[in-house]
Amino acid sequence: MNRRNLVKLLGISSMLPILTPITNSELFAQNEKIEIIKPNRLKKGDKVGVIAPASNASTPEEIAKAKEIIEYFGLVPVFGTNLMDGDGYKTRSVRGRLRDLHQMFEDRSISAVFCIRGGYGSASLLDGINYELIRANPKIFLGYSDITALHIGIFQNTGLVTFHGPVMLSSFSDFTERSFRRVLFDNHSIGVLGNPATEKRRNNNSVYTIKSGKANGRLIGGNLSLISSLMGTANEIDTKNSILFIEDVGEQPYSLHRMMTQLKQSGKLDDANGIIIGKCEDCQPSGSQNSLWDYSEMEAYLDIFRDYKKPVFYGLLIGHTREQLTIPIGLGVEMDADLGVINIMESAVK
């Protein structure tokens, strides 16, 4: 069969799929001992802690941008003392970054902890995090990219639902804002999450079905490079009974193929019930790699999943994209690889 026929181009502009994902109680009663903890929803006037567990906020202008977007949502920013300490992650101590993280969770007046940016360095915090403190003071924790390390560590060690979504220096488009409000401010069932349709003849937000079908599982994942870097550590990602989502940016297809091969050979892909791959910006061969690697990004995925028997789709806006979904890590969901959506039949917050 021609490889092009294996990929179905889809749009989701006008559909109301009827999906039936299992609930968290049903999901974790099967083979999990973890107790899921939901944080309280956000309300106007809530205080929000802003930290930089990875790269720092390098200029006063970045602090101002973060303050502006937080106040736009009717929230009150409280900035960590180590936010701009030093010139970058190399000159900012792990101890100082941990202190900000712990202080924000310990402070009962703080309702949520937002990361100002990703970058590099979050994984260095994992061995020093006081997970009992976080479990005893559950609150919204938000970020993406390098923050993936903290999402994995916090969820797997505490059961707290955390949120893969925009950092405070993200662009916050209208779509991003709607998803942000829907997931973090509303304690009703989230429902179907998918890409927005565009009004052009060619939909720039289309998704591609790699393997057809539906699957249930707990939503877990994040940045592929970070997931790969944690393999073999105490915080290696657990994909059993999961819907695994991955995203990245600026990686050439051979690099994506290499990291996916690691997950495949380690059993992480087989352990998952289904796979969601986020749209990857700037992930095409370039320079000398054109002569070394002739696969496109999509061809790399088709090779990895050639014999895979579970649903897989590509293109969800869940990472380094202008339009960005906020999604809860740890909740039970159903994915539909033919429609390119996930359905969450409960709230992520109380």
C-alpha atoms as a PDB file:
ATOM      1  CA  MET A   1       0.000   0.000   0.000  1.00  0.00           C
ATOM      2  CA  ASN A   2       1.236   3.476  -0.852  1.00  0.00           C
ATOM      3  CA  ARG A   3       2.491   5.218   2.287  1.00  0.00           C
ATOM      4  CA  ARG A   4       0.340   8.247   1.537  1.00  0.00           C
ATOM      5  CA  ASN A   5      -2.742   6.075   1.841  1.00  0.00           C
ATOM      6  CA  LEU A   6      -1.797   5.214   5.408  1.00  0.00           C
ATOM      7  CA  VAL A   7      -2.294   8.786   6.533  1.00  0.00           C
ATOM      8  CA  LYS A   8      -5.741  10.384   6.636  1.00  0.00           C
ATOM      9  CA  LEU A   9      -5.978  14.152   6.628  1.00  0.00           C
ATOM     10  CA  LEU A  10      -8.697  15.339   8.933  1.00  0.00           C
ATOM     11  CA  GLY A  11     -10.365  18.523  10.134  1.00  0.00           C
ATOM     12  CA  ILE A  12     -12.627  18.781  13.177  1.00  0.00           C
ATOM     13  CA  SER A  13     -14.427  22.030  12.494  1.00  0.00           C
ATOM     14  CA  SER A  14     -17.969  20.660  12.562  1.00  0.00           C
ATOM     15  CA  MET A  15     -18.393  17.502  14.589  1.00  0.00           C
ATOM     16  CA  LEU A  16     -19.707  16.414  17.949  1.00  0.00           C
ATOM     17  CA  PRO A  17     -18.241  12.949  18.479  1.00  0.00           C
ATOM     18  CA  ILE A  18     -19.930  10.677  20.987  1.00  0.00           C
ATOM     19  CA  LEU A  19     -17.174   9.159  23.062  1.00  0.00           C
ATOM     20  CA  THR A  20     -17.264   7.166  26.279  1.00  0.00           C
ATOM     21  CA  PRO A  21     -13.970   7.314  28.166  1.00  0.00           C
ATOM     22  CA  ILE A  22     -13.729   5.529  31.477  1.00  0.00           C
ATOM     23  CA  THR A  23     -13.558   7.614  34.624  1.00  0.00           C
ATOM     24  CA  ASN A  24     -10.552   7.880  36.893  1.00  0.00           C
ATOM     25  CA  SER A  25     -12.129   5.633  39.513  1.00  0.00           C
ATOM     26  CA  GLU A  26     -12.675   2.924  36.929  1.00  0.00           C
ATOM     27  CA  LEU A  27      -9.264   3.408  35.360  1.00  0.00           C
ATOM     28  CA  PHE A  28      -7.159   3.227  38.479  1.00  0.00           C
ATOM     29  CA  ALA A  29      -9.213   0.463  40.055  1.00  0.00           C
ATOM     30  CA  GLN A  30      -7.944  -1.830  37.314  1.00  0.00           C
ATOM     31  CA  ASN A  31      -4.245  -2.057  38.135  1.00  0.00           C
ATOM     32  CA  GLU A  32      -3.098   1.140  39.804  1.00  0.00           C
ATOM     33  CA  LYS A  33      -2.553   1.985  43.456  1.00  0.00           C
ATOM     34  CA  ILE A  34      -2.062   5.691  42.905  1.00  0.00           C
ATOM     35  CA  GLU A  35      -4.590   8.065  44.449  1.00  0.00           C
ATOM     36  CA  ILE A  36      -5.530  10.871  42.074  1.00  0.00           C
ATOM     37  CA  ILE A  37      -5.607  14.350  43.632  1.00  0.00           C
ATOM     38  CA  LYS A  38      -7.356  17.221  41.880  1.00  0.00           C
ATOM     39  CA  PRO A  39      -6.439  20.820  42.751  1.00  0.00           C
ATOM     40  CA  ASN A  40      -9.021  23.547  43.340  1.00  0.00           C
ATOM     41  CA  ARG A  41     -10.172  25.564  40.338  1.00  0.00           C
ATOM     42  CA  LEU A  42      -9.020  29.120  39.780  1.00  0.00           C
ATOM     43  CA  LYS A  43     -11.239  32.079  40.672  1.00  0.00           C
ATOM     44  CA  LYS A  44     -10.913  35.767  40.038  1.00  0.00           C
ATOM     45  CA  GLY A  45      -8.688  37.345  42.683  1.00  0.00           C
ATOM     46  CA  ASP A  46      -6.683  34.175  43.399  1.00  0.00           C
ATOM     47  CA  LYS A  47      -2.962  34.553  43.998  1.00  0.00           C
ATOM     48  CA  VAL A  48      -0.701  32.702  41.575  1.00  0.00           C
ATOM     49  CA  GLY A  49       2.935  31.863  42.248  1.00  0.00           C
ATOM     50  CA  VAL A  50       5.295  32.412  39.300  1.00  0.00           C
ATOM     51  CA  ILE A  51       8.542  30.444  39.242  1.00  0.00           C
ATOM     52  CA  ALA A  52      11.369  29.568  36.857  1.00  0.00           C
ATOM     53  CA  PRO A  53      12.393  25.980  37.629  1.00  0.00           C
ATOM     54  CA  ALA A  54      14.258  25.739  34.306  1.00  0.00           C
ATOM     55  CA  SER A  55      15.751  28.784  32.532  1.00  0.00           C
ATOM     56  CA  ASN A  56      15.359  32.089  34.311  1.00  0.00           C
ATOM     57  CA  ALA A  57      13.408  35.192  33.435  1.00  0.00           C
ATOM     58  CA  SER A  58      16.228  37.120  31.816  1.00  0.00           C
ATOM     59  CA  THR A  59      14.828  40.662  31.683  1.00  0.00           C
ATOM     60  CA  PRO A  60      12.431  42.934  33.586  1.00  0.00           C
ATOM     61  CA  GLU A  61      10.347  43.030  30.383  1.00  0.00           C
ATOM     62  CA  GLU A  62       9.669  39.305  30.738  1.00  0.00           C
ATOM     63  CA  ILE A  63       8.490  39.805  34.300  1.00  0.00           C
ATOM     64  CA  ALA A  64       6.183  42.554  33.033  1.00  0.00           C
ATOM     65  CA  LYS A  65       4.770  40.275  30.311  1.00  0.00           C
ATOM     66  CA  ALA A  66       4.033  37.551  32.849  1.00  0.00           C
ATOM     67  CA  LYS A  67       2.384  40.064  35.187  1.00  0.00           C
ATOM     68  CA  GLU A  68       0.279  41.406  32.326  1.00  0.00           C
ATOM     69  CA  ILE A  69      -1.142  38.036  31.274  1.00  0.00           C
ATOM     70  CA  ILE A  70      -1.841  36.892  34.834  1.00  0.00           C
ATOM     71  CA  GLU A  71      -3.696  40.095  35.670  1.00  0.00           C
ATOM     72  CA  TYR A  72      -5.605  39.783  32.383  1.00  0.00           C
ATOM     73  CA  PHE A  73      -7.181  36.620  33.821  1.00  0.00           C
ATOM     74  CA  GLY A  74      -8.117  38.465  37.013  1.00  0.00           C
ATOM     75  CA  LEU A  75      -5.404  36.793  39.072  1.00  0.00           C
ATOM     76  CA  VAL A  76      -2.731  38.223  41.343  1.00  0.00           C
ATOM     77  CA  PRO A  77       0.898  37.306  40.535  1.00  0.00           C
ATOM     78  CA  VAL A  78       3.378  36.477  43.287  1.00  0.00           C
ATOM     79  CA  PHE A  79       6.886  36.161  41.869  1.00  0.00           C
ATOM     80  CA  GLY A  80       9.473  33.740  43.223  1.00  0.00           C
ATOM     81  CA  THR A  81      12.580  35.296  44.737  1.00  0.00           C
ATOM     82  CA  ASN A  82      14.884  33.280  42.471  1.00  0.00           C
ATOM     83  CA  LEU A  83      13.081  34.135  39.245  1.00  0.00           C
ATOM     84  CA  MET A  84      15.857  36.338  37.836  1.00  0.00           C
ATOM     85  CA  ASP A  85      18.755  35.175  40.003  1.00  0.00           C
ATOM     86  CA  GLY A  86      21.938  34.822  37.928  1.00  0.00           C
ATOM     87  CA  ASP A  87      22.417  34.864  34.162  1.00  0.00           C
ATOM     88  CA  GLY A  88      20.868  31.500  33.330  1.00  0.00           C
ATOM     89  CA  TYR A  89      20.449  27.962  34.616  1.00  0.00           C
ATOM     90  CA  LYS A  90      24.228  27.575  35.080  1.00  0.00           C
ATOM     91  CA  THR A  91      24.378  30.471  37.523  1.00  0.00           C
ATOM     92  CA  ARG A  92      21.112  29.668  39.315  1.00  0.00           C
ATOM     93  CA  SER A  93      21.395  27.090  42.057  1.00  0.00           C
ATOM     94  CA  VAL A  94      19.171  24.039  42.221  1.00  0.00           C
ATOM     95  CA  ARG A  95      18.639  24.935  45.870  1.00  0.00           C
ATOM     96  CA  GLY A  96      17.233  28.353  44.980  1.00  0.00           C
ATOM     97  CA  ARG A  97      14.895  26.991  42.327  1.00  0.00           C
ATOM     98  CA  LEU A  98      13.693  24.279  44.710  1.00  0.00           C
ATOM     99  CA  ARG A  99      13.113  26.895  47.392  1.00  0.00           C
ATOM    100  CA  ASP A 100      10.774  28.824  45.093  1.00  0.00           C
ATOM    101  CA  LEU A 101       8.872  25.657  44.153  1.00  0.00           C
ATOM    102  CA  HIS A 102       8.463  24.557  47.769  1.00  0.00           C
ATOM    103  CA  GLN A 103       7.533  28.011  49.044  1.00  0.00           C
ATOM    104  CA  MET A 104       4.771  28.376  46.471  1.00  0.00           C
ATOM    105  CA  PHE A 105       3.236  25.028  47.386  1.00  0.00           C
ATOM    106  CA  GLU A 106       3.641  25.620  51.123  1.00  0.00           C
ATOM    107  CA  ASP A 107       2.050  29.090  51.052  1.00  0.00           C
ATOM    108  CA  ARG A 108      -1.680  28.491  51.684  1.00  0.00           C
ATOM    109  CA  SER A 109      -2.560  31.858  50.132  1.00  0.00           C
ATOM    110  CA  ILE A 110      -1.253  30.714  46.733  1.00  0.00           C
ATOM    111  CA  SER A 111      -3.832  28.929  44.551  1.00  0.00           C
ATOM    112  CA  ALA A 112      -1.651  27.871  41.624  1.00  0.00           C
ATOM    113  CA  VAL A 113       1.975  27.643  40.517  1.00  0.00           C
ATOM    114  CA  PHE A 114       2.743  28.853  36.985  1.00  0.00           C
ATOM    115  CA  CYS A 115       6.100  28.459  35.241  1.00  0.00           C
ATOM    116  CA  ILE A 116       7.279  31.567  33.456  1.00  0.00           C
ATOM    117  CA  ARG A 117       9.165  29.613  30.766  1.00  0.00           C
ATOM    118  CA  GLY A 118      10.763  26.280  29.908  1.00  0.00           C
ATOM    119  CA  GLY A 119      14.326  26.141  28.619  1.00  0.00           C
ATOM    120  CA  TYR A 120      16.664  23.842  30.508  1.00  0.00           C
ATOM    121  CA  GLY A 121      17.274  22.574  34.035  1.00  0.00           C
ATOM    122  CA  SER A 122      14.029  21.215  35.520  1.00  0.00           C
ATOM    123  CA  ALA A 123      15.268  17.626  35.713  1.00  0.00           C
ATOM    124  CA  SER A 124      17.986  18.715  38.142  1.00  0.00           C
ATOM    125  CA  LEU A 125      15.284  19.461  40.725  1.00  0.00           C
ATOM    126  CA  LEU A 126      13.697  16.009  40.774  1.00  0.00           C
ATOM    127  CA  ASP A 127      15.934  14.443  43.422  1.00  0.00           C
ATOM    128  CA  GLY A 128      15.355  17.325  45.825  1.00  0.00           C
ATOM    129  CA  ILE A 129      11.600  17.848  45.572  1.00  0.00           C
ATOM    130  CA  ASN A 130       9.602  17.410  48.771  1.00  0.00           C
ATOM    131  CA  TYR A 131       6.777  15.365  47.284  1.00  0.00           C
ATOM    132  CA  GLU A 132       5.033  14.996  50.641  1.00  0.00           C
ATOM    133  CA  LEU A 133       4.784  18.786  50.840  1.00  0.00           C
ATOM    134  CA  ILE A 134       3.186  18.912  47.397  1.00  0.00           C
ATOM    135  CA  ARG A 135       0.787  16.065  48.191  1.00  0.00           C
ATOM    136  CA  ALA A 136      -0.300  17.834  51.374  1.00  0.00           C
ATOM    137  CA  ASN A 137      -0.824  21.158  49.555  1.00  0.00           C
ATOM    138  CA  PRO A 138      -2.321  20.292  46.165  1.00  0.00           C
ATOM    139  CA  LYS A 139      -2.716  23.173  43.729  1.00  0.00           C
ATOM    140  CA  ILE A 140      -2.615  23.812  39.996  1.00  0.00           C
ATOM    141  CA  PHE A 141       0.854  23.407  38.494  1.00  0.00           C
ATOM    142  CA  LEU A 142       1.222  24.630  34.888  1.00  0.00           C
ATOM    143  CA  GLY A 143       3.907  24.609  32.202  1.00  0.00           C
ATOM    144  CA  TYR A 144       5.327  22.673  29.275  1.00  0.00           C
ATOM    145  CA  SER A 145       8.537  21.887  27.360  1.00  0.00           C
ATOM    146  CA  ASP A 146      11.379  21.429  29.901  1.00  0.00           C
ATOM    147  CA  ILE A 147       8.728  21.514  32.658  1.00  0.00           C
ATOM    148  CA  THR A 148       7.828  17.973  31.493  1.00  0.00           C
ATOM    149  CA  ALA A 149      10.368  16.627  33.992  1.00  0.00           C
ATOM    150  CA  LEU A 150       8.420  18.165  36.877  1.00  0.00           C
ATOM    151  CA  HIS A 151       5.068  16.988  35.511  1.00  0.00           C
ATOM    152  CA  ILE A 152       6.303  13.403  35.439  1.00  0.00           C
ATOM    153  CA  GLY A 153       7.993  13.596  38.828  1.00  0.00           C
ATOM    154  CA  ILE A 154       5.080  15.289  40.607  1.00  0.00           C
ATOM    155  CA  PHE A 155       2.339  13.099  39.162  1.00  0.00           C
ATOM    156  CA  GLN A 156       4.144   9.793  39.607  1.00  0.00           C
ATOM    157  CA  ASN A 157       5.217  10.620  43.159  1.00  0.00           C
ATOM    158  CA  THR A 158       2.072  12.340  44.435  1.00  0.00           C
ATOM    159  CA  GLY A 159      -0.903  11.580  42.169  1.00  0.00           C
ATOM    160  CA  LEU A 160      -1.556  15.316  41.761  1.00  0.00           C
ATOM    161  CA  VAL A 161      -3.130  16.207  38.420  1.00  0.00           C
ATOM    162  CA  THR A 162      -0.831  18.780  36.786  1.00  0.00           C
ATOM    163  CA  PHE A 163      -1.353  20.764  33.596  1.00  0.00           C
ATOM    164  CA  HIS A 164       0.620  20.689  30.361  1.00  0.00           C
ATOM    165  CA  GLY A 165      -0.141  24.100  28.956  1.00  0.00           C
ATOM    166  CA  PRO A 166       1.180  27.586  28.250  1.00  0.00           C
ATOM    167  CA  VAL A 167       3.950  29.214  30.237  1.00  0.00           C
ATOM    168  CA  MET A 168       3.601  32.857  31.183  1.00  0.00           C
ATOM    169  CA  LEU A 169       5.677  34.007  28.205  1.00  0.00           C
ATOM    170  CA  SER A 170       3.484  32.118  25.724  1.00  0.00           C
ATOM    171  CA  SER A 171       1.544  34.162  23.167  1.00  0.00           C
ATOM    172  CA  PHE A 172      -1.945  33.296  24.549  1.00  0.00           C
ATOM    173  CA  SER A 173      -4.004  33.347  21.360  1.00  0.00           C
ATOM    174  CA  ASP A 174      -7.806  33.378  21.614  1.00  0.00           C
ATOM    175  CA  PHE A 175      -7.866  29.583  21.253  1.00  0.00           C
ATOM    176  CA  THR A 176      -5.179  29.177  23.925  1.00  0.00           C
ATOM    177  CA  GLU A 177      -7.128  31.442  26.271  1.00  0.00           C
ATOM    178  CA  ARG A 178     -10.371  29.512  25.790  1.00  0.00           C
ATOM    179  CA  SER A 179      -8.719  26.183  26.548  1.00  0.00           C
ATOM    180  CA  PHE A 180      -6.898  27.676  29.550  1.00  0.00           C
ATOM    181  CA  ARG A 181     -10.132  29.003  31.053  1.00  0.00           C
ATOM    182  CA  ARG A 182     -12.113  25.855  30.243  1.00  0.00           C
ATOM    183  CA  VAL A 183      -9.687  23.522  32.021  1.00  0.00           C
ATOM    184  CA  LEU A 184      -8.436  25.623  34.961  1.00  0.00           C
ATOM    185  CA  PHE A 185     -11.406  27.851  35.883  1.00  0.00           C
ATOM    186  CA  ASP A 186     -14.317  25.471  35.260  1.00  0.00           C
ATOM    187  CA  ASN A 187     -15.057  22.479  37.492  1.00  0.00           C
ATOM    188  CA  HIS A 188     -17.475  20.906  35.024  1.00  0.00           C
ATOM    189  CA  SER A 189     -16.697  18.002  32.704  1.00  0.00           C
ATOM    190  CA  ILE A 190     -14.079  19.121  30.152  1.00  0.00           C
ATOM    191  CA  GLY A 191     -15.425  17.146  27.206  1.00  0.00           C
ATOM    192  CA  VAL A 192     -13.824  16.992  23.767  1.00  0.00           C
ATOM    193  CA  LEU A 193     -10.472  18.709  23.172  1.00  0.00           C
ATOM    194  CA  GLY A 194      -9.161  19.127  19.649  1.00  0.00           C
ATOM    195  CA  ASN A 195      -7.630  21.579  17.216  1.00  0.00           C
ATOM    196  CA  PRO A 196      -9.451  24.653  15.941  1.00  0.00           C
ATOM    197  CA  ALA A 197     -10.320  24.640  12.244  1.00  0.00           C
ATOM    198  CA  THR A 198      -8.985  27.393  10.023  1.00  0.00           C
ATOM    199  CA  GLU A 199     -11.050  29.283   7.490  1.00  0.00           C
ATOM    200  CA  LYS A 200      -8.624  28.754   4.620  1.00  0.00           C
ATOM    201  CA  ARG A 201      -9.015  26.205   1.840  1.00  0.00           C
ATOM    202  CA  ARG A 202      -6.234  24.132   3.382  1.00  0.00           C
ATOM    203  CA  ASN A 203      -6.634  23.525   7.109  1.00  0.00           C
ATOM    204  CA  ASN A 204      -3.360  24.446   8.819  1.00  0.00           C
ATOM    205  CA  ASN A 205      -4.494  22.707  12.007  1.00  0.00           C
ATOM    206  CA  SER A 206      -5.298  19.317  10.495  1.00  0.00           C
ATOM    207  CA  VAL A 207      -4.457  16.063  12.223  1.00  0.00           C
ATOM    208  CA  TYR A 208      -3.201  12.866  10.605  1.00  0.00           C
ATOM    209  CA  THR A 209      -4.374   9.385  11.484  1.00  0.00           C
ATOM    210  CA  ILE A 210      -1.374   7.045  11.658  1.00  0.00           C
ATOM    211  CA  LYS A 211      -3.232   4.104  13.225  1.00  0.00           C
ATOM    212  CA  SER A 212      -7.008   4.136  13.335  1.00  0.00           C
ATOM    213  CA  GLY A 213      -9.127   3.488  16.409  1.00  0.00           C
ATOM    214  CA  LYS A 214     -10.083   4.563  19.925  1.00  0.00           C
ATOM    215  CA  ALA A 215      -8.434   3.855  23.271  1.00  0.00           C
ATOM    216  CA  ASN A 216      -8.925   4.660  26.966  1.00  0.00           C
ATOM    217  CA  GLY A 217      -6.196   5.416  29.472  1.00  0.00           C
ATOM    218  CA  ARG A 218      -4.699   7.961  31.816  1.00  0.00           C
ATOM    219  CA  LEU A 219      -3.183  10.929  30.015  1.00  0.00           C
ATOM    220  CA  ILE A 220       0.574  11.137  30.547  1.00  0.00           C
ATOM    221  CA  GLY A 221       3.496  12.594  28.625  1.00  0.00           C
ATOM    222  CA  GLY A 222       5.082  15.849  27.521  1.00  0.00           C
ATOM    223  CA  ASN A 223       8.217  16.875  25.663  1.00  0.00           C
ATOM    224  CA  LEU A 224       9.839  13.918  23.894  1.00  0.00           C
ATOM    225  CA  SER A 225      13.406  15.050  24.567  1.00  0.00           C
ATOM    226  CA  LEU A 226      12.696  15.294  28.299  1.00  0.00           C
ATOM    227  CA  ILE A 227      10.898  11.939  28.401  1.00  0.00           C
ATOM    228  CA  SER A 228      13.874  10.356  26.638  1.00  0.00           C
ATOM    229  CA  SER A 229      16.368  11.978  29.024  1.00  0.00           C
ATOM    230  CA  LEU A 230      14.606  10.502  32.083  1.00  0.00           C
ATOM    231  CA  MET A 231      14.814   6.919  30.842  1.00  0.00           C
ATOM    232  CA  GLY A 232      16.764   4.750  33.277  1.00  0.00           C
ATOM    233  CA  THR A 233      16.211   7.138  36.187  1.00  0.00           C
ATOM    234  CA  ALA A 234      13.926   6.926  39.207  1.00  0.00           C
ATOM    235  CA  ASN A 235      11.542   9.237  37.334  1.00  0.00           C
ATOM    236  CA  GLU A 236      11.353   7.230  34.112  1.00  0.00           C
ATOM    237  CA  ILE A 237       7.895   7.684  32.648  1.00  0.00           C
ATOM    238  CA  ASP A 238       5.340   4.974  33.422  1.00  0.00           C
ATOM    239  CA  THR A 239       3.132   4.450  30.367  1.00  0.00           C
ATOM    240  CA  LYS A 240       1.170   1.412  31.529  1.00  0.00           C
ATOM    241  CA  ASN A 241      -2.575   1.826  30.971  1.00  0.00           C
ATOM    242  CA  SER A 242      -1.959   5.283  29.511  1.00  0.00           C
ATOM    243  CA  ILE A 243      -2.650   7.513  26.578  1.00  0.00           C
ATOM    244  CA  LEU A 244       0.869   8.775  25.920  1.00  0.00           C
ATOM    245  CA  PHE A 245       1.234  12.230  24.377  1.00  0.00           C
ATOM    246  CA  ILE A 246       4.524  13.626  23.103  1.00  0.00           C
ATOM    247  CA  GLU A 247       5.599  16.915  21.564  1.00  0.00           C
ATOM    248  CA  ASP A 248       8.821  18.620  20.527  1.00  0.00           C
ATOM    249  CA  VAL A 249      10.223  21.501  18.490  1.00  0.00           C
ATOM    250  CA  GLY A 250      13.230  22.054  16.238  1.00  0.00           C
ATOM    251  CA  GLU A 251      14.198  18.375  16.129  1.00  0.00           C
ATOM    252  CA  GLN A 252      15.191  16.827  12.819  1.00  0.00           C
ATOM    253  CA  PRO A 253      13.407  13.622  11.792  1.00  0.00           C
ATOM    254  CA  TYR A 254      16.405  11.410  12.514  1.00  0.00           C
ATOM    255  CA  SER A 255      16.505  12.739  16.082  1.00  0.00           C
ATOM    256  CA  LEU A 256      12.776  12.162  16.562  1.00  0.00           C
ATOM    257  CA  HIS A 257      13.180   8.656  15.128  1.00  0.00           C
ATOM    258  CA  ARG A 258      16.060   7.941  17.519  1.00  0.00           C
ATOM    259  CA  MET A 259      14.098   8.996  20.596  1.00  0.00           C
ATOM    260  CA  MET A 260      10.982   7.148  19.466  1.00  0.00           C
ATOM    261  CA  THR A 261      13.111   4.044  18.838  1.00  0.00           C
ATOM    262  CA  GLN A 262      14.274   4.268  22.457  1.00  0.00           C
ATOM    263  CA  LEU A 263      10.685   4.378  23.692  1.00  0.00           C
ATOM    264  CA  LYS A 264       9.757   1.533  21.372  1.00  0.00           C
ATOM    265  CA  GLN A 265      12.624  -0.738  22.388  1.00  0.00           C
ATOM    266  CA  SER A 266      12.094  -0.004  26.084  1.00  0.00           C
ATOM    267  CA  GLY A 267       8.461  -1.131  25.839  1.00  0.00           C
ATOM    268  CA  LYS A 268       6.997   2.300  26.571  1.00  0.00           C
ATOM    269  CA  LEU A 269       4.991   2.409  23.338  1.00  0.00           C
ATOM    270  CA  ASP A 270       3.673  -1.117  23.803  1.00  0.00           C
ATOM    271  CA  ASP A 271       2.711  -0.357  27.417  1.00  0.00           C
ATOM    272  CA  ALA A 272       0.573   2.589  26.312  1.00  0.00           C
ATOM    273  CA  ASN A 273      -2.980   2.084  25.077  1.00  0.00           C
ATOM    274  CA  GLY A 274      -2.624   4.792  22.433  1.00  0.00           C
ATOM    275  CA  ILE A 275      -0.263   7.548  21.269  1.00  0.00           C
ATOM    276  CA  ILE A 276      -0.838  11.242  20.507  1.00  0.00           C
ATOM    277  CA  ILE A 277       1.929  13.169  18.744  1.00  0.00           C
ATOM    278  CA  GLY A 278       1.807  16.936  18.919  1.00  0.00           C
ATOM    279  CA  LYS A 279       2.460  19.141  15.914  1.00  0.00           C
ATOM    280  CA  CYS A 280       6.207  19.668  15.654  1.00  0.00           C
ATOM    281  CA  GLU A 281       7.355  23.041  14.364  1.00  0.00           C
ATOM    282  CA  ASP A 282      10.642  23.195  12.427  1.00  0.00           C
ATOM    283  CA  CYS A 283      11.128  19.425  12.401  1.00  0.00           C
ATOM    284  CA  GLN A 284      12.292  18.864   8.819  1.00  0.00           C
ATOM    285  CA  PRO A 285      15.735  17.717   7.584  1.00  0.00           C
ATOM    286  CA  SER A 286      18.181  20.558   7.106  1.00  0.00           C
ATOM    287  CA  GLY A 287      21.801  21.120   6.184  1.00  0.00           C
ATOM    288  CA  SER A 288      24.045  18.084   5.989  1.00  0.00           C
ATOM    289  CA  GLN A 289      21.298  15.841   7.359  1.00  0.00           C
ATOM    290  CA  ASN A 290      19.559  15.919   3.981  1.00  0.00           C
ATOM    291  CA  SER A 291      22.207  13.542   2.668  1.00  0.00           C
ATOM    292  CA  LEU A 292      22.209  11.328   5.778  1.00  0.00           C
ATOM    293  CA  TRP A 293      18.494  10.968   6.397  1.00  0.00           C
ATOM    294  CA  ASP A 294      15.851  11.002   3.712  1.00  0.00           C
ATOM    295  CA  TYR A 295      12.736  10.487   5.839  1.00  0.00           C
ATOM    296  CA  SER A 296      10.404  13.354   6.508  1.00  0.00           C
ATOM    297  CA  GLU A 297       9.020  13.771  10.009  1.00  0.00           C
ATOM    298  CA  MET A 298       5.829  11.877   9.140  1.00  0.00           C
ATOM    299  CA  GLU A 299       7.758   9.091   7.428  1.00  0.00           C
ATOM    300  CA  ALA A 300       9.803   8.650  10.608  1.00  0.00           C
ATOM    301  CA  TYR A 301       6.597   8.094  12.597  1.00  0.00           C
ATOM    302  CA  LEU A 302       5.189   5.747   9.958  1.00  0.00           C
ATOM    303  CA  ASP A 303       8.326   3.644  10.254  1.00  0.00           C
ATOM    304  CA  ILE A 304       8.170   3.536  14.063  1.00  0.00           C
ATOM    305  CA  PHE A 305       4.484   2.583  14.087  1.00  0.00           C
ATOM    306  CA  ARG A 306       4.540   0.314  11.022  1.00  0.00           C
ATOM    307  CA  ASP A 307       3.476  -2.778  12.992  1.00  0.00           C
ATOM    308  CA  TYR A 308       1.790  -1.010  15.912  1.00  0.00           C
ATOM    309  CA  LYS A 309      -1.702  -2.301  16.704  1.00  0.00           C
ATOM    310  CA  LYS A 310      -3.010   0.610  18.759  1.00  0.00           C
ATOM    311  CA  PRO A 311      -4.413   4.031  17.765  1.00  0.00           C
ATOM    312  CA  VAL A 312      -1.963   6.821  16.917  1.00  0.00           C
ATOM    313  CA  PHE A 313      -2.523  10.293  15.506  1.00  0.00           C
ATOM    314  CA  TYR A 314      -0.374  13.327  14.802  1.00  0.00           C
ATOM    315  CA  GLY A 315      -0.902  17.073  14.909  1.00  0.00           C
ATOM    316  CA  LEU A 316      -2.643  17.988  18.177  1.00  0.00           C
ATOM    317  CA  LEU A 317      -1.699  21.509  19.293  1.00  0.00           C
ATOM    318  CA  ILE A 318      -0.174  20.614  22.646  1.00  0.00           C
ATOM    319  CA  GLY A 319       3.266  22.141  22.755  1.00  0.00           C
ATOM    320  CA  HIS A 320       5.506  24.586  20.915  1.00  0.00           C
ATOM    321  CA  THR A 321       2.717  25.990  18.765  1.00  0.00           C
ATOM    322  CA  ARG A 322       0.993  29.351  18.760  1.00  0.00           C
ATOM    323  CA  GLU A 323      -2.406  27.763  19.367  1.00  0.00           C
ATOM    324  CA  GLN A 324      -2.069  25.599  22.472  1.00  0.00           C
ATOM    325  CA  LEU A 325      -4.336  23.332  24.456  1.00  0.00           C
ATOM    326  CA  THR A 326      -4.159  23.049  28.231  1.00  0.00           C
ATOM    327  CA  ILE A 327      -4.451  19.371  29.107  1.00  0.00           C
ATOM    328  CA  PRO A 328      -4.545  17.609  32.497  1.00  0.00           C
ATOM    329  CA  ILE A 329      -1.890  15.011  33.192  1.00  0.00           C
ATOM    330  CA  GLY A 330      -3.180  11.974  35.070  1.00  0.00           C
ATOM    331  CA  LEU A 331      -6.880  12.008  34.210  1.00  0.00           C
ATOM    332  CA  GLY A 332      -8.664   9.168  32.434  1.00  0.00           C
ATOM    333  CA  VAL A 333      -9.436  10.037  28.792  1.00  0.00           C
ATOM    334  CA  GLU A 334     -10.502   8.492  25.540  1.00  0.00           C
ATOM    335  CA  MET A 335      -8.614   9.282  22.365  1.00  0.00           C
ATOM    336  CA  ASP A 336     -10.071   8.946  18.893  1.00  0.00           C
ATOM    337  CA  ALA A 337      -7.318   8.686  16.301  1.00  0.00           C
ATOM    338  CA  ASP A 338      -9.764   9.024  13.404  1.00  0.00           C
ATOM    339  CA  LEU A 339     -11.178  12.326  14.653  1.00  0.00           C
ATOM    340  CA  GLY A 340      -7.923  13.514  16.188  1.00  0.00           C
ATOM    341  CA  VAL A 341      -9.415  14.406  19.580  1.00  0.00           C
ATOM    342  CA  ILE A 342      -9.379  13.423  23.224  1.00  0.00           C
ATOM    343  CA  ASN A 343     -12.477  13.328  25.422  1.00  0.00           C
ATOM    344  CA  ILE A 344     -12.365  13.960  29.166  1.00  0.00           C
ATOM    345  CA  MET A 345     -15.634  13.137  30.890  1.00  0.00           C
ATOM    346  CA  GLU A 346     -14.855  14.891  34.161  1.00  0.00           C
ATOM    347  CA  SER A 347     -13.339  18.090  35.459  1.00  0.00           C
ATOM    348  CA  ALA A 348      -9.633  18.438  36.140  1.00  0.00           C
ATOM    349  CA  VAL A 349     -10.222  20.738  39.110  1.00  0.00           C
ATOM    350  CA  LYS A 350     -12.543  20.787  42.111  1.00  0.00           C
END
